[in-house]
């Protein structure tokens, strides 16, 4: 059966735990100079309808280090950008490459592509979910603090695709998630209500972060929301992650951000460059976590 990775729910909790440990092993092997080429002769097709730095570099490098190859495909260069049905593109591409990675707007696009693809499809970000980033985040927490099971994680900011993936992660990795956002910016109500025993809303950010083991935020205006920038700046004014806010969390709390960050908006320099920040490890771990996913899909 073809293994797709569209959300964290496509793997069982045990599979996710194994994948994180495998990512850590692959990271250690790379640092020890151990060559490991399980995908020699394999090719990853990479469809980007949204711009990217970390996603493109990490997947390309992953395939190179695994002995495989990757092809960058943008709407400007392919028939996808000229109106070819997603179903047809999926049927054609999957006869030529061994896996497809898609970074796009509507989540339905990756679902439709996967439904008509003969090879694994990986969601590298949609407007609804960003599961690859969550794997990197979970790997980073495990490396610094051990298991995240039973810990308190606080999401500060917009109820966006990252927040949605944290809701899935709370269930799959068994931690408490508190979401702190201004009224009107909550995540999807259906998704929010799916795991009431693990996920809660607390609009008062000072109360929300109390005793947190992990504090996570993201930009207030995501790609495609640039015209809302000014109104969002006003709405989120009280939700900046500052050193004072981090002082309310557990003394051992970590800070994460998927990057790129708008310094001085959702987070201050004092936090992102401070001792509790693990954002650079988190960014690097996109490479290693995605290697784990590629092996899970293809090996």
C-alpha atoms as a PDB file:
ATOM      1  CA  UNK A   1       0.000   0.000   0.000  1.00  0.00           C
ATOM      2  CA  UNK A   2       1.284   3.490  -0.869  1.00  0.00           C
ATOM      3  CA  UNK A   3       2.253   5.454   2.236  1.00  0.00           C
ATOM      4  CA  UNK A   4       1.288   9.122   2.132  1.00  0.00           C
ATOM      5  CA  UNK A   5       2.173  11.712   4.774  1.00  0.00           C
ATOM      6  CA  UNK A   6      -0.496  14.419   4.630  1.00  0.00           C
ATOM      7  CA  UNK A   7      -1.031  15.003   8.368  1.00  0.00           C
ATOM      8  CA  UNK A   8       0.385  13.552  11.589  1.00  0.00           C
ATOM      9  CA  UNK A   9      -2.706  11.336  11.727  1.00  0.00           C
ATOM     10  CA  UNK A  10      -1.360   9.246   8.844  1.00  0.00           C
ATOM     11  CA  UNK A  11       0.997   7.533  11.300  1.00  0.00           C
ATOM     12  CA  UNK A  12       0.226   5.806  14.583  1.00  0.00           C
ATOM     13  CA  UNK A  13       1.719   7.195  17.822  1.00  0.00           C
ATOM     14  CA  UNK A  14       4.169   4.267  17.846  1.00  0.00           C
ATOM     15  CA  UNK A  15       5.221   4.982  14.257  1.00  0.00           C
ATOM     16  CA  UNK A  16       5.718   8.659  15.072  1.00  0.00           C
ATOM     17  CA  UNK A  17       7.827   7.774  18.107  1.00  0.00           C
ATOM     18  CA  UNK A  18       9.955   5.444  15.994  1.00  0.00           C
ATOM     19  CA  UNK A  19      10.291   8.099  13.291  1.00  0.00           C
ATOM     20  CA  UNK A  20      11.598  10.675  15.800  1.00  0.00           C
ATOM     21  CA  UNK A  21      14.168   8.208  17.129  1.00  0.00           C
ATOM     22  CA  UNK A  22      15.182   7.320  13.577  1.00  0.00           C
ATOM     23  CA  UNK A  23      15.623  11.014  12.757  1.00  0.00           C
ATOM     24  CA  UNK A  24      17.932  11.399  15.768  1.00  0.00           C
ATOM     25  CA  UNK A  25      19.937   8.354  14.631  1.00  0.00           C
ATOM     26  CA  UNK A  26      20.241   9.714  11.097  1.00  0.00           C
ATOM     27  CA  UNK A  27      21.438  13.045  12.493  1.00  0.00           C
ATOM     28  CA  UNK A  28      24.110  11.274  14.564  1.00  0.00           C
ATOM     29  CA  UNK A  29      25.228   9.193  11.576  1.00  0.00           C
ATOM     30  CA  UNK A  30      25.585  12.324   9.442  1.00  0.00           C
ATOM     31  CA  UNK A  31      27.656  14.079  12.097  1.00  0.00           C
ATOM     32  CA  UNK A  32      29.866  11.009  12.445  1.00  0.00           C
ATOM     33  CA  UNK A  33      30.531  11.006   8.708  1.00  0.00           C
ATOM     34  CA  UNK A  34      28.699   7.717   8.115  1.00  0.00           C
ATOM     35  CA  UNK A  35      27.433   7.509   4.547  1.00  0.00           C
ATOM     36  CA  UNK A  36      23.896   6.168   4.322  1.00  0.00           C
ATOM     37  CA  UNK A  37      22.241   5.979   0.914  1.00  0.00           C
ATOM     38  CA  UNK A  38      18.956   4.061   1.269  1.00  0.00           C
ATOM     39  CA  UNK A  39      17.340   6.045  -1.567  1.00  0.00           C
ATOM     40  CA  UNK A  40      20.036   5.588  -4.197  1.00  0.00           C
ATOM     41  CA  UNK A  41      18.401   5.730  -7.612  1.00  0.00           C
ATOM     42  CA  UNK A  42      15.216   7.308  -6.208  1.00  0.00           C
ATOM     43  CA  UNK A  43      13.871  10.701  -7.308  1.00  0.00           C
ATOM     44  CA  UNK A  44      11.678  13.112  -5.356  1.00  0.00           C
ATOM     45  CA  UNK A  45       9.455  15.495  -7.308  1.00  0.00           C
ATOM     46  CA  UNK A  46       9.031  18.758  -5.368  1.00  0.00           C
ATOM     47  CA  UNK A  47       6.008  20.904  -6.242  1.00  0.00           C
ATOM     48  CA  UNK A  48       6.145  24.438  -4.829  1.00  0.00           C
ATOM     49  CA  UNK A  49       3.136  26.700  -5.199  1.00  0.00           C
ATOM     50  CA  UNK A  50       4.357  28.698  -2.170  1.00  0.00           C
ATOM     51  CA  UNK A  51       7.854  30.108  -1.730  1.00  0.00           C
ATOM     52  CA  UNK A  52      10.233  28.390   0.667  1.00  0.00           C
ATOM     53  CA  UNK A  53      13.707  28.387   2.170  1.00  0.00           C
ATOM     54  CA  UNK A  54      13.877  25.656   4.816  1.00  0.00           C
ATOM     55  CA  UNK A  55      11.516  23.252   3.064  1.00  0.00           C
ATOM     56  CA  UNK A  56      13.253  23.314  -0.300  1.00  0.00           C
ATOM     57  CA  UNK A  57      16.797  23.171   1.053  1.00  0.00           C
ATOM     58  CA  UNK A  58      16.040  20.441   3.603  1.00  0.00           C
ATOM     59  CA  UNK A  59      14.291  18.114   1.137  1.00  0.00           C
ATOM     60  CA  UNK A  60      16.907  18.629  -1.591  1.00  0.00           C
ATOM     61  CA  UNK A  61      19.781  18.041   0.827  1.00  0.00           C
ATOM     62  CA  UNK A  62      18.009  15.010   2.318  1.00  0.00           C
ATOM     63  CA  UNK A  63      17.697  13.363  -1.088  1.00  0.00           C
ATOM     64  CA  UNK A  64      21.313  14.196  -1.984  1.00  0.00           C
ATOM     65  CA  UNK A  65      22.640  12.766   1.295  1.00  0.00           C
ATOM     66  CA  UNK A  66      20.478   9.672   0.808  1.00  0.00           C
ATOM     67  CA  UNK A  67      22.031   9.082  -2.613  1.00  0.00           C
ATOM     68  CA  UNK A  68      18.906  10.104  -4.521  1.00  0.00           C
ATOM     69  CA  UNK A  69      17.865  13.073  -6.614  1.00  0.00           C
ATOM     70  CA  UNK A  70      15.210  15.793  -6.487  1.00  0.00           C
ATOM     71  CA  UNK A  71      13.428  17.904  -9.082  1.00  0.00           C
ATOM     72  CA  UNK A  72      12.102  21.389  -8.273  1.00  0.00           C
ATOM     73  CA  UNK A  73       8.761  22.135  -9.933  1.00  0.00           C
ATOM     74  CA  UNK A  74       7.057  25.527  -9.724  1.00  0.00           C
ATOM     75  CA  UNK A  75       3.717  26.548 -11.301  1.00  0.00           C
ATOM     76  CA  UNK A  76       5.650  28.875 -13.606  1.00  0.00           C
ATOM     77  CA  UNK A  77       7.534  25.928 -15.090  1.00  0.00           C
ATOM     78  CA  UNK A  78       4.888  23.210 -15.287  1.00  0.00           C
ATOM     79  CA  UNK A  79       1.453  22.503 -16.706  1.00  0.00           C
ATOM     80  CA  UNK A  80       0.024  22.713 -13.167  1.00  0.00           C
ATOM     81  CA  UNK A  81       0.320  26.468 -13.468  1.00  0.00           C
ATOM     82  CA  UNK A  82      -1.558  26.392 -16.776  1.00  0.00           C
ATOM     83  CA  UNK A  83      -4.637  24.645 -15.499  1.00  0.00           C
ATOM     84  CA  UNK A  84      -3.855  20.940 -15.922  1.00  0.00           C
ATOM     85  CA  UNK A  85      -6.143  19.019 -13.545  1.00  0.00           C
ATOM     86  CA  UNK A  86      -4.406  17.925 -10.348  1.00  0.00           C
ATOM     87  CA  UNK A  87      -5.570  14.370 -10.991  1.00  0.00           C
ATOM     88  CA  UNK A  88      -3.821  14.282 -14.379  1.00  0.00           C
ATOM     89  CA  UNK A  89      -0.598  15.772 -13.040  1.00  0.00           C
ATOM     90  CA  UNK A  90      -0.600  13.167 -10.262  1.00  0.00           C
ATOM     91  CA  UNK A  91      -1.077  10.297 -12.692  1.00  0.00           C
ATOM     92  CA  UNK A  92       1.729  11.491 -14.961  1.00  0.00           C
ATOM     93  CA  UNK A  93       4.298  12.544 -12.364  1.00  0.00           C
ATOM     94  CA  UNK A  94       3.860   9.413 -10.284  1.00  0.00           C
ATOM     95  CA  UNK A  95       4.833   7.303 -13.294  1.00  0.00           C
ATOM     96  CA  UNK A  96       8.195   9.100 -13.438  1.00  0.00           C
ATOM     97  CA  UNK A  97       9.276   9.900  -9.876  1.00  0.00           C
ATOM     98  CA  UNK A  98       9.377   7.784  -6.717  1.00  0.00           C
ATOM     99  CA  UNK A  99       7.710  10.275  -4.367  1.00  0.00           C
ATOM    100  CA  UNK A 100       6.151  13.734  -4.539  1.00  0.00           C
ATOM    101  CA  UNK A 101       6.454  16.560  -2.024  1.00  0.00           C
ATOM    102  CA  UNK A 102       3.881  19.375  -2.280  1.00  0.00           C
ATOM    103  CA  UNK A 103       3.850  22.833  -0.711  1.00  0.00           C
ATOM    104  CA  UNK A 104       0.617  24.540  -1.646  1.00  0.00           C
ATOM    105  CA  UNK A 105      -2.413  26.541  -0.486  1.00  0.00           C
ATOM    106  CA  UNK A 106      -5.514  24.342  -0.198  1.00  0.00           C
ATOM    107  CA  UNK A 107      -5.151  21.104   1.729  1.00  0.00           C
ATOM    108  CA  UNK A 108      -7.600  19.528  -0.723  1.00  0.00           C
ATOM    109  CA  UNK A 109      -4.889  19.848  -3.381  1.00  0.00           C
ATOM    110  CA  UNK A 110      -2.554  17.387  -1.649  1.00  0.00           C
ATOM    111  CA  UNK A 111      -5.457  15.080  -0.819  1.00  0.00           C
ATOM    112  CA  UNK A 112      -6.580  15.003  -4.462  1.00  0.00           C
ATOM    113  CA  UNK A 113      -3.016  14.530  -5.681  1.00  0.00           C
ATOM    114  CA  UNK A 114      -2.453  11.649  -3.237  1.00  0.00           C
ATOM    115  CA  UNK A 115      -5.721   9.983  -4.247  1.00  0.00           C
ATOM    116  CA  UNK A 116      -4.514   9.758  -7.862  1.00  0.00           C
ATOM    117  CA  UNK A 117      -0.798   9.164  -7.251  1.00  0.00           C
ATOM    118  CA  UNK A 118       0.876   5.780  -7.570  1.00  0.00           C
ATOM    119  CA  UNK A 119       3.734   6.934  -5.313  1.00  0.00           C
ATOM    120  CA  UNK A 120       3.930   8.460  -1.805  1.00  0.00           C
ATOM    121  CA  UNK A 121       2.883  12.098  -1.405  1.00  0.00           C
ATOM    122  CA  UNK A 122       4.291  14.283   1.385  1.00  0.00           C
ATOM    123  CA  UNK A 123       2.572  17.440   2.601  1.00  0.00           C
ATOM    124  CA  UNK A 124       5.310  20.059   2.963  1.00  0.00           C
ATOM    125  CA  UNK A 125       2.760  22.726   4.021  1.00  0.00           C
ATOM    126  CA  UNK A 126      -0.795  23.684   3.190  1.00  0.00           C
ATOM    127  CA  UNK A 127      -2.984  26.457   4.563  1.00  0.00           C
ATOM    128  CA  UNK A 128      -4.432  23.901   6.995  1.00  0.00           C
ATOM    129  CA  UNK A 129      -1.515  21.763   8.203  1.00  0.00           C
ATOM    130  CA  UNK A 130       2.295  21.703   8.439  1.00  0.00           C
ATOM    131  CA  UNK A 131       3.153  18.188   9.697  1.00  0.00           C
ATOM    132  CA  UNK A 132       6.813  18.185   8.595  1.00  0.00           C
ATOM    133  CA  UNK A 133       7.510  21.125  10.903  1.00  0.00           C
ATOM    134  CA  UNK A 134       5.842  19.346  13.806  1.00  0.00           C
ATOM    135  CA  UNK A 135       8.134  16.356  13.404  1.00  0.00           C
ATOM    136  CA  UNK A 136      11.135  18.681  13.589  1.00  0.00           C
ATOM    137  CA  UNK A 137       9.655  20.370  16.683  1.00  0.00           C
ATOM    138  CA  UNK A 138       9.014  17.062  18.438  1.00  0.00           C
ATOM    139  CA  UNK A 139      12.515  15.833  17.588  1.00  0.00           C
ATOM    140  CA  UNK A 140      13.988  19.043  18.997  1.00  0.00           C
ATOM    141  CA  UNK A 141      12.066  18.721  22.258  1.00  0.00           C
ATOM    142  CA  UNK A 142      13.138  15.086  22.683  1.00  0.00           C
ATOM    143  CA  UNK A 143      16.793  16.004  22.081  1.00  0.00           C
ATOM    144  CA  UNK A 144      16.735  18.759  24.721  1.00  0.00           C
ATOM    145  CA  UNK A 145      14.272  17.505  27.339  1.00  0.00           C
ATOM    146  CA  UNK A 146      13.311  13.894  26.603  1.00  0.00           C
ATOM    147  CA  UNK A 147       9.740  12.706  26.095  1.00  0.00           C
ATOM    148  CA  UNK A 148       7.069  15.360  25.598  1.00  0.00           C
ATOM    149  CA  UNK A 149       4.345  13.028  26.866  1.00  0.00           C
ATOM    150  CA  UNK A 150       2.369  14.655  29.672  1.00  0.00           C
ATOM    151  CA  UNK A 151       4.066  18.046  29.254  1.00  0.00           C
ATOM    152  CA  UNK A 152       2.327  21.407  28.883  1.00  0.00           C
ATOM    153  CA  UNK A 153       2.742  23.109  25.495  1.00  0.00           C
ATOM    154  CA  UNK A 154       1.434  26.617  24.883  1.00  0.00           C
ATOM    155  CA  UNK A 155       0.696  27.983  21.431  1.00  0.00           C
ATOM    156  CA  UNK A 156       0.732  31.794  21.370  1.00  0.00           C
ATOM    157  CA  UNK A 157      -0.749  33.583  18.359  1.00  0.00           C
ATOM    158  CA  UNK A 158      -2.813  32.817  15.284  1.00  0.00           C
ATOM    159  CA  UNK A 159      -4.851  29.608  15.043  1.00  0.00           C
ATOM    160  CA  UNK A 160      -3.130  28.826  11.735  1.00  0.00           C
ATOM    161  CA  UNK A 161      -1.794  25.688  10.022  1.00  0.00           C
ATOM    162  CA  UNK A 162       0.966  25.293  12.615  1.00  0.00           C
ATOM    163  CA  UNK A 163      -1.550  25.572  15.434  1.00  0.00           C
ATOM    164  CA  UNK A 164      -3.734  22.951  13.716  1.00  0.00           C
ATOM    165  CA  UNK A 165      -0.803  20.569  13.466  1.00  0.00           C
ATOM    166  CA  UNK A 166      -0.037  21.149  17.155  1.00  0.00           C
ATOM    167  CA  UNK A 167      -3.613  20.059  17.905  1.00  0.00           C
ATOM    168  CA  UNK A 168      -2.963  16.809  16.024  1.00  0.00           C
ATOM    169  CA  UNK A 169       0.385  16.470  17.783  1.00  0.00           C
ATOM    170  CA  UNK A 170      -1.193  16.879  21.240  1.00  0.00           C
ATOM    171  CA  UNK A 171      -3.259  13.785  20.565  1.00  0.00           C
ATOM    172  CA  UNK A 172      -0.558  11.760  18.816  1.00  0.00           C
ATOM    173  CA  UNK A 173       2.275  12.583  21.248  1.00  0.00           C
ATOM    174  CA  UNK A 174       0.016  12.762  24.335  1.00  0.00           C
ATOM    175  CA  UNK A 175       0.692  16.245  25.729  1.00  0.00           C
ATOM    176  CA  UNK A 176      -1.471  19.105  27.030  1.00  0.00           C
ATOM    177  CA  UNK A 177      -1.918  21.964  24.542  1.00  0.00           C
ATOM    178  CA  UNK A 178      -3.119  25.404  25.596  1.00  0.00           C
ATOM    179  CA  UNK A 179      -3.887  27.817  22.737  1.00  0.00           C
ATOM    180  CA  UNK A 180      -3.735  31.532  23.482  1.00  0.00           C
ATOM    181  CA  UNK A 181      -5.020  33.812  20.735  1.00  0.00           C
ATOM    182  CA  UNK A 182      -7.206  36.906  20.461  1.00  0.00           C
ATOM    183  CA  UNK A 183     -10.951  36.414  19.836  1.00  0.00           C
ATOM    184  CA  UNK A 184     -11.685  35.703  16.199  1.00  0.00           C
ATOM    185  CA  UNK A 185      -8.336  34.035  15.499  1.00  0.00           C
ATOM    186  CA  UNK A 186      -9.038  30.623  17.030  1.00  0.00           C
ATOM    187  CA  UNK A 187      -8.279  27.433  15.093  1.00  0.00           C
ATOM    188  CA  UNK A 188     -10.995  25.490  13.277  1.00  0.00           C
ATOM    189  CA  UNK A 189     -13.766  24.687  15.769  1.00  0.00           C
ATOM    190  CA  UNK A 190     -14.219  21.095  14.571  1.00  0.00           C
ATOM    191  CA  UNK A 191     -10.519  20.374  14.936  1.00  0.00           C
ATOM    192  CA  UNK A 192     -10.427  22.155  18.288  1.00  0.00           C
ATOM    193  CA  UNK A 193     -13.279  20.058  19.628  1.00  0.00           C
ATOM    194  CA  UNK A 194     -11.771  16.765  18.527  1.00  0.00           C
ATOM    195  CA  UNK A 195      -9.489  16.357  21.558  1.00  0.00           C
ATOM    196  CA  UNK A 196     -11.084  18.295  24.444  1.00  0.00           C
ATOM    197  CA  UNK A 197      -9.174  16.260  27.014  1.00  0.00           C
ATOM    198  CA  UNK A 198      -5.853  17.509  25.626  1.00  0.00           C
ATOM    199  CA  UNK A 199      -6.555  20.886  23.989  1.00  0.00           C
ATOM    200  CA  UNK A 200      -7.965  24.056  25.540  1.00  0.00           C
ATOM    201  CA  UNK A 201      -8.265  27.785  24.786  1.00  0.00           C
ATOM    202  CA  UNK A 202      -6.970  30.458  27.151  1.00  0.00           C
ATOM    203  CA  UNK A 203      -7.104  33.965  25.658  1.00  0.00           C
ATOM    204  CA  UNK A 204      -5.202  35.454  28.625  1.00  0.00           C
ATOM    205  CA  UNK A 205      -1.655  34.793  27.500  1.00  0.00           C
ATOM    206  CA  UNK A 206      -0.176  35.436  30.958  1.00  0.00           C
ATOM    207  CA  UNK A 207      -2.328  32.703  32.456  1.00  0.00           C
ATOM    208  CA  UNK A 208      -1.804  30.416  29.474  1.00  0.00           C
ATOM    209  CA  UNK A 209       1.989  30.211  29.726  1.00  0.00           C
ATOM    210  CA  UNK A 210       2.119  29.571  33.462  1.00  0.00           C
ATOM    211  CA  UNK A 211       4.256  26.448  34.112  1.00  0.00           C
ATOM    212  CA  UNK A 212       4.546  25.669  30.383  1.00  0.00           C
ATOM    213  CA  UNK A 213       7.317  23.311  29.299  1.00  0.00           C
ATOM    214  CA  UNK A 214       7.281  24.557  25.703  1.00  0.00           C
ATOM    215  CA  UNK A 215       6.157  27.912  24.304  1.00  0.00           C
ATOM    216  CA  UNK A 216       5.625  28.140  20.533  1.00  0.00           C
ATOM    217  CA  UNK A 217       4.638  31.013  18.277  1.00  0.00           C
ATOM    218  CA  UNK A 218       4.528  31.961  14.597  1.00  0.00           C
ATOM    219  CA  UNK A 219       4.117  35.088  12.475  1.00  0.00           C
ATOM    220  CA  UNK A 220       0.849  36.954  12.924  1.00  0.00           C
ATOM    221  CA  UNK A 221       0.219  37.236   9.166  1.00  0.00           C
ATOM    222  CA  UNK A 222       1.041  34.143   7.119  1.00  0.00           C
ATOM    223  CA  UNK A 223       1.723  33.924   3.377  1.00  0.00           C
ATOM    224  CA  UNK A 224      -1.343  35.194   1.541  1.00  0.00           C
ATOM    225  CA  UNK A 225      -2.483  37.382   4.452  1.00  0.00           C
ATOM    226  CA  UNK A 226      -0.215  40.342   3.734  1.00  0.00           C
ATOM    227  CA  UNK A 227      -3.221  42.631   3.154  1.00  0.00           C
ATOM    228  CA  UNK A 228      -4.310  41.906   6.746  1.00  0.00           C
ATOM    229  CA  UNK A 229      -0.926  42.866   8.198  1.00  0.00           C
ATOM    230  CA  UNK A 230      -2.017  46.129   9.830  1.00  0.00           C
ATOM    231  CA  UNK A 231      -5.237  44.791  11.371  1.00  0.00           C
ATOM    232  CA  UNK A 232      -3.422  41.716  12.651  1.00  0.00           C
ATOM    233  CA  UNK A 233      -0.687  43.832  14.247  1.00  0.00           C
ATOM    234  CA  UNK A 234      -3.382  45.570  16.264  1.00  0.00           C
ATOM    235  CA  UNK A 235      -5.260  42.372  17.156  1.00  0.00           C
ATOM    236  CA  UNK A 236      -2.155  40.507  18.322  1.00  0.00           C
ATOM    237  CA  UNK A 237      -0.484  43.428  20.118  1.00  0.00           C
ATOM    238  CA  UNK A 238      -0.732  41.724  23.526  1.00  0.00           C
ATOM    239  CA  UNK A 239       0.514  38.339  22.312  1.00  0.00           C
ATOM    240  CA  UNK A 240       4.207  39.035  21.831  1.00  0.00           C
ATOM    241  CA  UNK A 241       6.526  36.450  23.403  1.00  0.00           C
ATOM    242  CA  UNK A 242       8.864  38.444  25.632  1.00  0.00           C
ATOM    243  CA  UNK A 243      11.426  37.466  28.300  1.00  0.00           C
ATOM    244  CA  UNK A 244       8.848  38.533  30.910  1.00  0.00           C
ATOM    245  CA  UNK A 245       6.273  36.157  29.408  1.00  0.00           C
ATOM    246  CA  UNK A 246       8.804  33.304  29.318  1.00  0.00           C
ATOM    247  CA  UNK A 247       9.511  33.949  33.031  1.00  0.00           C
ATOM    248  CA  UNK A 248       5.961  32.758  33.753  1.00  0.00           C
ATOM    249  CA  UNK A 249       6.716  29.387  32.149  1.00  0.00           C
ATOM    250  CA  UNK A 250       8.569  26.514  33.788  1.00  0.00           C
ATOM    251  CA  UNK A 251      12.241  27.410  34.467  1.00  0.00           C
ATOM    252  CA  UNK A 252      13.260  24.648  32.031  1.00  0.00           C
ATOM    253  CA  UNK A 253      10.806  25.765  29.315  1.00  0.00           C
ATOM    254  CA  UNK A 254      11.928  25.887  25.696  1.00  0.00           C
ATOM    255  CA  UNK A 255      10.930  28.408  23.030  1.00  0.00           C
ATOM    256  CA  UNK A 256      10.244  27.405  19.412  1.00  0.00           C
ATOM    257  CA  UNK A 257       9.318  29.226  16.205  1.00  0.00           C
ATOM    258  CA  UNK A 258       9.093  27.599  12.755  1.00  0.00           C
ATOM    259  CA  UNK A 259      10.735  30.659  11.135  1.00  0.00           C
ATOM    260  CA  UNK A 260      11.006  33.030   9.393  1.00  0.00           C
ATOM    261  CA  UNK A 261      10.337  35.269  12.401  1.00  0.00           C
ATOM    262  CA  UNK A 262       9.212  38.873  12.382  1.00  0.00           C
ATOM    263  CA  UNK A 263      11.436  40.056  15.207  1.00  0.00           C
ATOM    264  CA  UNK A 264       9.792  42.734  17.279  1.00  0.00           C
ATOM    265  CA  UNK A 265       6.314  41.493  16.373  1.00  0.00           C
ATOM    266  CA  UNK A 266       5.407  38.005  17.605  1.00  0.00           C
ATOM    267  CA  UNK A 267       8.740  37.567  19.457  1.00  0.00           C
ATOM    268  CA  UNK A 268      11.476  39.816  20.796  1.00  0.00           C
ATOM    269  CA  UNK A 269      15.197  39.467  20.094  1.00  0.00           C
ATOM    270  CA  UNK A 270      15.685  38.718  23.784  1.00  0.00           C
ATOM    271  CA  UNK A 271      13.674  35.513  23.465  1.00  0.00           C
ATOM    272  CA  UNK A 272      14.638  34.235  20.030  1.00  0.00           C
ATOM    273  CA  UNK A 273      18.337  34.816  20.758  1.00  0.00           C
ATOM    274  CA  UNK A 274      18.010  33.866  24.424  1.00  0.00           C
ATOM    275  CA  UNK A 275      19.030  30.735  26.350  1.00  0.00           C
ATOM    276  CA  UNK A 276      15.581  29.094  26.163  1.00  0.00           C
ATOM    277  CA  UNK A 277      15.370  29.361  22.374  1.00  0.00           C
ATOM    278  CA  UNK A 278      16.068  26.230  20.321  1.00  0.00           C
ATOM    279  CA  UNK A 279      14.934  27.656  16.978  1.00  0.00           C
ATOM    280  CA  UNK A 280      18.200  26.903  15.146  1.00  0.00           C
ATOM    281  CA  UNK A 281      18.193  23.250  16.212  1.00  0.00           C
ATOM    282  CA  UNK A 282      14.514  23.186  15.272  1.00  0.00           C
ATOM    283  CA  UNK A 283      15.294  24.547  11.791  1.00  0.00           C
ATOM    284  CA  UNK A 284      18.130  22.060  11.235  1.00  0.00           C
ATOM    285  CA  UNK A 285      15.926  19.197  12.357  1.00  0.00           C
ATOM    286  CA  UNK A 286      13.658  19.754   9.367  1.00  0.00           C
ATOM    287  CA  UNK A 287      16.407  17.956   7.429  1.00  0.00           C
ATOM    288  CA  UNK A 288      16.654  14.993   9.770  1.00  0.00           C
ATOM    289  CA  UNK A 289      12.940  14.565  10.499  1.00  0.00           C
ATOM    290  CA  UNK A 290      12.144  14.683   6.783  1.00  0.00           C
ATOM    291  CA  UNK A 291      14.793  12.058   6.154  1.00  0.00           C
ATOM    292  CA  UNK A 292      12.822   9.888   8.549  1.00  0.00           C
ATOM    293  CA  UNK A 293       9.625  10.560   6.605  1.00  0.00           C
ATOM    294  CA  UNK A 294      11.277   9.828   3.243  1.00  0.00           C
ATOM    295  CA  UNK A 295      12.525   6.483   4.518  1.00  0.00           C
ATOM    296  CA  UNK A 296       9.118   5.670   6.029  1.00  0.00           C
ATOM    297  CA  UNK A 297       7.421   6.456   2.720  1.00  0.00           C
ATOM    298  CA  UNK A 298       9.933   4.820   0.378  1.00  0.00           C
ATOM    299  CA  UNK A 299      12.011   2.170   2.136  1.00  0.00           C
END
